[in-house]
Amino acid sequence: MMAGNLVLGFILSASLNQLLTMINTMQLVVMLPLFKITVPANAGMFFSQIMQIAAFDFFETGPYIDALLGLPPSEPLNANFEAVGFESLYLLHNMGTLFIAFVAYFTLVLLAFFCQYICCCERVKYFGENLRKKLFFGSFIQIIFESYSILAVSCFINLTRLSWSPFGEVLMSLTTIGFLILLLAFPFGYGTYIWKNFNRFNVIEFFEKHSEFYKELNMRHGPMVLLQPIWFLVRRLVLATIVVFLGQTAIWQIALMTLTVITQVIILGRVEPFVDKNKMYFEFFSETIVMLVMYTLICFTPFLPDLEMRFRLGYICIGIISVHLLVSLFILGKGIFKDVRFAYSR
């Protein structure tokens, strides 16, 4: 039993960062069919399946949330959004399982403050203090980073339909505005705060509180390395703006998305933000995959009217994304194997 737990611990620690890196790229890729294009059926089905992984959407929560709040039925923004998984105009409906994650987080926050400041038992107070330290801000930063793409798109979709009656829609509109403030404040407000306090990263208490923001960064390269996590968020904000508010101009959507890829490559090449060179090489590889997928999506516009050829190119698009998944899984398995072998060789 102890050996099994040891192996599991190594697997989890080794795989988490690589797994999240893969999912972050997938979150970008699954947003691309939201452009003003006509995705063939084979590629559309594939995108809808990987969306469940990228959005951590393993349970159907939307209809239950709508019923709980008494929300009237809502049509998707368009057919592309429905195919990918954004089946409604309501924020909480489109968040899916992420809604449960946020509810669980804020429940733990209430539990931590209750244990630390209300309970009299010293052990409970100690438990509450430790829980609060883990929740602020490490867990919250990680939740925001891993859900930012889905949150931004879901929030912007709901912005197209803000309603002040009945009560359910009022609550949804207020929730949307609240999440919009959070989405804007996190990269620009919190990111600026971290930038201004860059020299405090060697203070243990400060670093532990904000370590998720510094994760895997090479701090020896100076504050410019913070461009990586800040651009990570801003890029997804730009993508959400492109797919929701520029929905009638495919050429501008593709051009602006190409600029975000170029900007990311410049940051990687010029700043070299990561400690691990292999991590940086994998990021270059991921950006190449995103560009190749976009090249195939150009063929799903009126640029290529042949429907049969589009269907064939759909398989090429699936193949490109599958290559990224296979490479990610190979690196993941390789890392797990090395850690397990090292554990048993001691």
Protein backbone atom coordinates (compact mmCIF):
# COMPACT_ATOMS: atom_id res chain seq x y z
CA MET A 1 0.00 0.00 0.00
CA MET A 2 2.81 2.43 0.90
CA ALA A 3 4.64 1.59 -2.33
CA GLY A 4 1.47 2.25 -4.32
CA ASN A 5 0.99 5.62 -2.63
CA LEU A 6 4.63 6.50 -3.26
CA VAL A 7 4.34 5.70 -6.96
CA LEU A 8 1.05 7.60 -7.21
CA GLY A 9 2.61 10.62 -5.56
CA PHE A 10 5.47 10.68 -8.05
CA ILE A 11 3.08 10.22 -10.96
CA LEU A 12 0.91 13.12 -9.83
CA SER A 13 3.83 15.47 -9.20
CA ALA A 14 5.53 14.59 -12.48
CA SER A 15 2.45 14.68 -14.65
CA LEU A 16 0.54 17.71 -13.40
CA ASN A 17 2.58 20.45 -15.09
CA GLN A 18 2.83 18.58 -18.41
CA LEU A 19 -0.87 17.72 -18.30
CA LEU A 20 -1.84 21.35 -17.65
CA THR A 21 0.46 22.53 -20.45
CA MET A 22 -1.27 20.16 -22.86
CA ILE A 23 -4.73 21.29 -21.70
CA ASN A 24 -3.78 24.96 -22.02
CA THR A 25 -2.88 24.42 -25.67
CA MET A 26 -6.05 22.42 -26.23
CA GLN A 27 -8.09 25.30 -24.80
CA LEU A 28 -6.66 27.56 -27.50
CA VAL A 29 -7.18 25.03 -30.27
CA VAL A 30 -10.82 24.24 -29.43
CA MET A 31 -11.66 27.97 -29.59
CA LEU A 32 -10.48 28.24 -33.20
CA PRO A 33 -13.62 26.60 -34.73
CA LEU A 34 -15.60 29.47 -33.17
CA PHE A 35 -14.31 31.66 -36.01
CA LYS A 36 -16.65 32.57 -38.87
CA ILE A 37 -15.98 29.30 -40.71
CA THR A 38 -17.87 26.16 -41.69
CA VAL A 39 -16.22 23.25 -39.89
CA PRO A 40 -16.76 19.85 -41.58
CA ALA A 41 -18.65 17.25 -39.57
CA ASN A 42 -15.62 15.04 -38.82
CA ALA A 43 -13.55 17.90 -37.39
CA GLY A 44 -16.58 19.30 -35.58
CA MET A 45 -17.17 16.03 -33.72
CA PHE A 46 -13.50 15.83 -32.79
CA PHE A 47 -13.44 19.40 -31.45
CA SER A 48 -16.56 18.78 -29.35
CA GLN A 49 -14.90 15.74 -27.74
CA ILE A 50 -11.61 17.41 -26.86
CA MET A 51 -13.56 20.41 -25.56
CA GLN A 52 -14.79 18.22 -22.70
CA ILE A 53 -11.17 17.56 -21.71
CA ALA A 54 -9.96 21.13 -22.23
CA ALA A 55 -12.87 22.59 -20.22
CA PHE A 56 -12.83 19.84 -17.54
CA ASP A 57 -16.50 19.41 -18.49
CA PHE A 58 -17.23 15.84 -17.46
CA PHE A 59 -20.72 16.38 -16.02
CA GLU A 60 -23.78 18.02 -17.54
CA THR A 61 -24.60 20.86 -15.15
CA GLY A 62 -26.14 23.49 -17.44
CA PRO A 63 -29.79 22.30 -17.43
CA TYR A 64 -29.76 21.93 -13.64
CA ILE A 65 -28.41 25.46 -13.18
CA ASP A 66 -31.04 26.85 -15.57
CA ALA A 67 -33.81 25.02 -13.71
CA LEU A 68 -32.49 26.15 -10.32
CA LEU A 69 -32.44 29.82 -11.34
CA GLY A 70 -35.65 29.61 -13.36
CA LEU A 71 -33.93 30.76 -16.54
CA PRO A 72 -35.89 30.63 -19.81
CA PRO A 73 -34.50 28.49 -22.64
CA SER A 74 -31.63 30.09 -24.55
CA GLU A 75 -30.31 29.46 -28.02
CA PRO A 76 -26.52 29.31 -28.63
CA LEU A 77 -24.75 32.30 -30.15
CA ASN A 78 -24.45 30.38 -33.43
CA ALA A 79 -24.02 26.83 -34.73
CA ASN A 80 -20.23 26.84 -34.26
CA PHE A 81 -20.55 27.71 -30.58
CA GLU A 82 -23.12 24.95 -30.10
CA ALA A 83 -20.90 22.38 -31.84
CA VAL A 84 -17.93 23.19 -29.61
CA GLY A 85 -19.99 23.10 -26.41
CA PHE A 86 -21.22 26.64 -25.70
CA GLU A 87 -24.86 25.66 -25.97
CA SER A 88 -26.40 28.67 -24.23
CA LEU A 89 -26.06 32.43 -23.77
CA TYR A 90 -25.88 32.03 -19.99
CA LEU A 91 -22.49 32.19 -18.26
CA LEU A 92 -23.05 29.52 -15.60
CA HIS A 93 -24.59 27.12 -18.12
CA ASN A 94 -21.54 27.33 -20.40
CA MET A 95 -19.09 27.06 -17.49
CA GLY A 96 -20.23 23.48 -16.93
CA THR A 97 -18.16 21.60 -14.37
CA LEU A 98 -16.07 24.73 -13.73
CA PHE A 99 -19.08 26.12 -11.91
CA ILE A 100 -18.78 23.25 -9.41
CA ALA A 101 -15.07 24.02 -9.00
CA PHE A 102 -15.77 27.67 -8.14
CA VAL A 103 -18.57 26.70 -5.74
CA ALA A 104 -16.22 24.21 -4.04
CA TYR A 105 -13.47 26.84 -3.78
CA PHE A 106 -15.67 29.49 -2.17
CA THR A 107 -17.15 26.85 0.15
CA LEU A 108 -13.63 26.00 1.32
CA VAL A 109 -12.91 29.72 1.78
CA LEU A 110 -15.93 30.04 4.09
CA LEU A 111 -14.87 26.88 5.92
CA ALA A 112 -11.33 28.22 6.41
CA PHE A 113 -12.51 31.54 7.86
CA PHE A 114 -15.05 29.79 10.07
CA CYS A 115 -12.43 27.42 11.48
CA GLN A 116 -9.80 30.11 12.01
CA TYR A 117 -11.85 32.98 13.39
CA ILE A 118 -15.02 31.50 14.89
CA CYS A 119 -14.16 28.09 16.31
CA CYS A 120 -12.55 27.94 19.75
CA CYS A 121 -10.61 24.68 19.37
CA GLU A 122 -6.91 25.31 18.71
CA ARG A 123 -6.58 22.34 16.38
CA VAL A 124 -9.50 23.56 14.29
CA LYS A 125 -8.00 27.07 14.22
CA TYR A 126 -4.68 25.60 13.06
CA PHE A 127 -6.47 23.62 10.34
CA GLY A 128 -8.34 26.76 9.21
CA GLU A 129 -5.14 28.82 9.06
CA ASN A 130 -3.33 26.22 6.93
CA LEU A 131 -6.34 25.85 4.64
CA ARG A 132 -6.55 29.64 4.20
CA LYS A 133 -2.85 29.84 3.27
CA LYS A 134 -3.34 27.19 0.59
CA LEU A 135 -6.43 28.89 -0.78
CA PHE A 136 -4.86 32.39 -0.85
CA PHE A 137 -3.59 32.69 -3.36
CA GLY A 138 -2.09 29.52 -4.81
CA SER A 139 -5.26 27.53 -5.45
CA PHE A 140 -7.15 30.57 -6.68
CA ILE A 141 -4.39 31.55 -9.13
CA GLN A 142 -4.29 28.03 -10.53
CA ILE A 143 -8.08 27.90 -10.96
CA ILE A 144 -8.05 31.22 -12.81
CA PHE A 145 -5.18 30.22 -15.10
CA GLU A 146 -6.67 26.86 -16.06
CA SER A 147 -10.21 28.16 -16.58
CA TYR A 148 -9.48 31.60 -18.04
CA SER A 149 -10.25 30.72 -21.67
CA ILE A 150 -13.60 29.12 -20.90
CA LEU A 151 -14.53 31.86 -18.43
CA ALA A 152 -13.67 34.65 -20.88
CA VAL A 153 -15.68 33.20 -23.76
CA SER A 154 -18.64 32.27 -21.52
CA CYS A 155 -18.61 35.73 -19.92
CA PHE A 156 -18.45 37.58 -23.26
CA ILE A 157 -21.28 35.44 -24.65
CA ASN A 158 -23.49 36.42 -21.73
CA LEU A 159 -22.54 40.10 -22.25
CA THR A 160 -24.42 39.95 -25.55
CA ARG A 161 -27.57 39.31 -23.53
CA LEU A 162 -27.70 41.23 -20.27
CA SER A 163 -31.23 41.24 -18.92
CA TRP A 164 -32.70 42.83 -15.80
CA SER A 165 -35.79 40.68 -15.44
CA PRO A 166 -36.81 38.15 -14.23
CA PHE A 167 -34.76 37.40 -11.09
CA GLY A 168 -32.78 34.52 -12.63
CA GLU A 169 -31.55 36.63 -15.53
CA VAL A 170 -30.77 39.56 -13.22
CA LEU A 171 -28.63 37.24 -11.10
CA MET A 172 -26.93 35.90 -14.23
CA SER A 173 -26.23 39.42 -15.50
CA LEU A 174 -24.73 40.49 -12.16
CA THR A 175 -22.63 37.30 -12.06
CA THR A 176 -21.40 38.04 -15.59
CA ILE A 177 -20.36 41.57 -14.65
CA GLY A 178 -18.59 40.23 -11.56
CA PHE A 179 -16.63 37.69 -13.60
CA LEU A 180 -15.84 40.36 -16.20
CA ILE A 181 -14.27 42.54 -13.49
CA LEU A 182 -12.28 39.51 -12.27
CA LEU A 183 -11.11 38.64 -15.80
CA LEU A 184 -9.89 42.18 -16.43
CA ALA A 185 -8.43 42.76 -12.97
CA PHE A 186 -6.39 39.57 -12.86
CA PRO A 187 -3.94 40.17 -15.75
CA PHE A 188 -3.86 43.97 -15.54
CA GLY A 189 -4.32 44.65 -11.82
CA TYR A 190 -2.77 41.60 -10.18
CA GLY A 191 -0.17 41.28 -12.95
CA THR A 192 0.92 44.90 -12.40
CA TYR A 193 1.13 44.31 -8.65
CA ILE A 194 3.39 41.28 -9.13
CA TRP A 195 5.54 43.22 -11.62
CA LYS A 196 6.03 46.15 -9.21
CA ASN A 197 6.91 43.74 -6.40
CA PHE A 198 9.21 41.57 -8.49
CA ASN A 199 12.15 42.08 -6.11
CA ARG A 200 10.10 40.58 -3.28
CA PHE A 201 9.97 37.12 -4.87
CA ASN A 202 12.94 36.09 -2.70
CA VAL A 203 10.92 36.89 0.44
CA ILE A 204 9.65 33.47 1.51
CA GLU A 205 6.22 34.59 2.69
CA PHE A 206 5.57 36.64 -0.48
CA PHE A 207 6.84 33.88 -2.77
CA GLU A 208 4.74 31.17 -1.12
CA LYS A 209 1.61 33.29 -1.41
CA HIS A 210 2.11 34.05 -5.11
CA SER A 211 4.21 31.05 -6.19
CA GLU A 212 1.66 29.84 -8.76
CA PHE A 213 2.20 33.06 -10.72
CA TYR A 214 5.99 32.53 -10.72
CA LYS A 215 5.73 28.79 -11.44
CA GLU A 216 8.46 27.47 -13.78
CA LEU A 217 9.76 30.98 -14.54
CA ASN A 218 13.48 31.76 -14.67
CA MET A 219 13.57 34.67 -12.23
CA ARG A 220 17.24 35.37 -13.03
CA HIS A 221 16.13 36.91 -16.33
CA GLY A 222 14.49 39.79 -14.50
CA PRO A 223 10.91 41.08 -14.41
CA MET A 224 10.49 40.60 -18.17
CA VAL A 225 9.79 36.91 -17.49
CA LEU A 226 6.45 38.03 -16.02
CA LEU A 227 5.38 38.82 -19.58
CA GLN A 228 4.79 35.08 -19.98
CA PRO A 229 2.00 34.61 -17.39
CA ILE A 230 0.52 38.06 -18.10
CA TRP A 231 0.43 37.44 -21.85
CA PHE A 232 -0.95 33.96 -21.19
CA LEU A 233 -4.07 35.63 -19.77
CA VAL A 234 -4.26 38.65 -22.10
CA ARG A 235 -3.98 36.37 -25.12
CA ARG A 236 -7.03 34.40 -24.04
CA LEU A 237 -8.89 37.63 -23.41
CA VAL A 238 -8.08 38.71 -26.96
CA LEU A 239 -9.19 35.33 -28.31
CA ALA A 240 -12.54 35.57 -26.48
CA THR A 241 -13.04 39.07 -27.89
CA ILE A 242 -12.24 37.84 -31.39
CA VAL A 243 -14.64 34.90 -31.42
CA VAL A 244 -17.58 36.67 -29.73
CA PHE A 245 -17.48 40.27 -30.96
CA LEU A 246 -15.81 39.86 -34.37
CA GLY A 247 -17.99 36.95 -35.40
CA GLN A 248 -18.72 38.22 -38.92
CA THR A 249 -15.14 38.82 -40.10
CA ALA A 250 -13.16 35.61 -40.42
CA ILE A 251 -10.17 37.34 -42.02
CA TRP A 252 -9.72 39.66 -39.03
CA GLN A 253 -10.19 36.79 -36.60
CA ILE A 254 -7.45 34.75 -38.27
CA ALA A 255 -5.13 37.76 -38.63
CA LEU A 256 -5.44 38.79 -34.98
CA MET A 257 -5.01 35.21 -33.79
CA THR A 258 -1.86 34.96 -35.91
CA LEU A 259 -0.53 38.09 -34.18
CA THR A 260 -1.07 36.47 -30.77
CA VAL A 261 0.96 33.44 -31.88
CA ILE A 262 3.76 35.69 -33.17
CA THR A 263 3.77 37.65 -29.90
CA GLN A 264 4.03 34.44 -27.88
CA VAL A 265 6.94 33.21 -30.02
CA ILE A 266 8.73 36.57 -29.57
CA ILE A 267 8.34 36.35 -25.78
CA LEU A 268 9.65 32.78 -25.75
CA GLY A 269 12.62 33.54 -27.99
CA ARG A 270 13.57 36.94 -26.62
CA VAL A 271 12.85 36.60 -22.89
CA GLU A 272 13.40 32.84 -22.45
CA PRO A 273 11.02 32.87 -19.46
CA PHE A 274 11.24 29.22 -18.41
CA VAL A 275 13.90 27.51 -16.31
CA ASP A 276 13.46 24.22 -18.16
CA LYS A 277 14.65 24.43 -21.77
CA ASN A 278 12.51 21.43 -22.68
CA LYS A 279 9.46 23.35 -21.47
CA MET A 280 10.35 26.20 -23.83
CA TYR A 281 10.88 23.86 -26.75
CA PHE A 282 7.50 22.30 -26.09
CA GLU A 283 5.90 25.75 -26.06
CA PHE A 284 7.44 26.45 -29.48
CA PHE A 285 6.05 23.12 -30.67
CA SER A 286 2.60 24.00 -29.32
CA GLU A 287 2.59 27.35 -31.13
CA THR A 288 3.51 25.53 -34.35
CA ILE A 289 0.53 23.23 -33.85
CA VAL A 290 -1.78 26.22 -33.31
CA MET A 291 -0.54 27.83 -36.54
CA LEU A 292 -0.97 24.61 -38.53
CA VAL A 293 -4.52 24.22 -37.25
CA MET A 294 -5.26 27.80 -38.29
CA TYR A 295 -3.93 27.07 -41.78
CA THR A 296 -6.46 24.25 -42.12
CA LEU A 297 -9.23 26.49 -40.78
CA ILE A 298 -8.55 28.99 -43.58
CA CYS A 299 -9.67 26.23 -45.94
CA PHE A 300 -13.01 26.05 -44.09
CA THR A 301 -13.86 29.58 -45.29
CA PRO A 302 -15.26 30.49 -48.75
CA PHE A 303 -11.61 30.47 -49.86
CA LEU A 304 -12.18 26.74 -50.55
CA PRO A 305 -15.75 26.08 -51.78
CA ASP A 306 -15.17 22.34 -52.44
CA LEU A 307 -17.05 20.54 -49.61
CA GLU A 308 -15.41 17.18 -50.28
CA MET A 309 -11.95 18.70 -50.02
CA ARG A 310 -12.96 20.44 -46.79
CA PHE A 311 -14.01 17.08 -45.38
CA ARG A 312 -10.62 15.59 -46.25
CA LEU A 313 -8.84 18.55 -44.72
CA GLY A 314 -10.91 17.93 -41.60
CA TYR A 315 -8.97 14.69 -41.13
CA ILE A 316 -5.69 16.58 -41.58
CA CYS A 317 -6.81 19.01 -38.87
CA ILE A 318 -7.62 16.06 -36.59
CA GLY A 319 -4.23 14.52 -37.36
CA ILE A 320 -2.35 17.72 -36.48
CA ILE A 321 -4.08 17.99 -33.11
CA SER A 322 -3.58 14.26 -32.49
CA VAL A 323 0.17 14.68 -33.03
CA HIS A 324 0.22 17.26 -30.25
CA LEU A 325 -1.74 14.96 -27.95
CA LEU A 326 0.56 12.00 -28.68
CA VAL A 327 3.73 14.03 -28.14
CA SER A 328 2.32 15.39 -24.88
CA LEU A 329 1.39 11.92 -23.67
CA PHE A 330 4.83 10.60 -24.66
CA ILE A 331 6.59 13.33 -22.65
CA LEU A 332 4.19 12.73 -19.80
CA GLY A 333 4.87 8.98 -19.78
CA LYS A 334 8.62 9.53 -20.09
CA GLY A 335 8.62 11.84 -17.08
CA ILE A 336 6.59 9.40 -15.00
CA PHE A 337 8.91 6.53 -15.93
CA LYS A 338 12.01 8.50 -14.93
CA ASP A 339 10.55 9.54 -11.58
CA VAL A 340 9.35 6.04 -10.74
CA ARG A 341 12.71 4.51 -11.71
CA PHE A 342 14.53 7.11 -9.61
CA ALA A 343 12.25 6.40 -6.62
CA TYR A 344 12.95 2.68 -6.67
CA SER A 345 16.67 3.03 -7.35
CA ARG A 346 17.31 4.77 -4.02
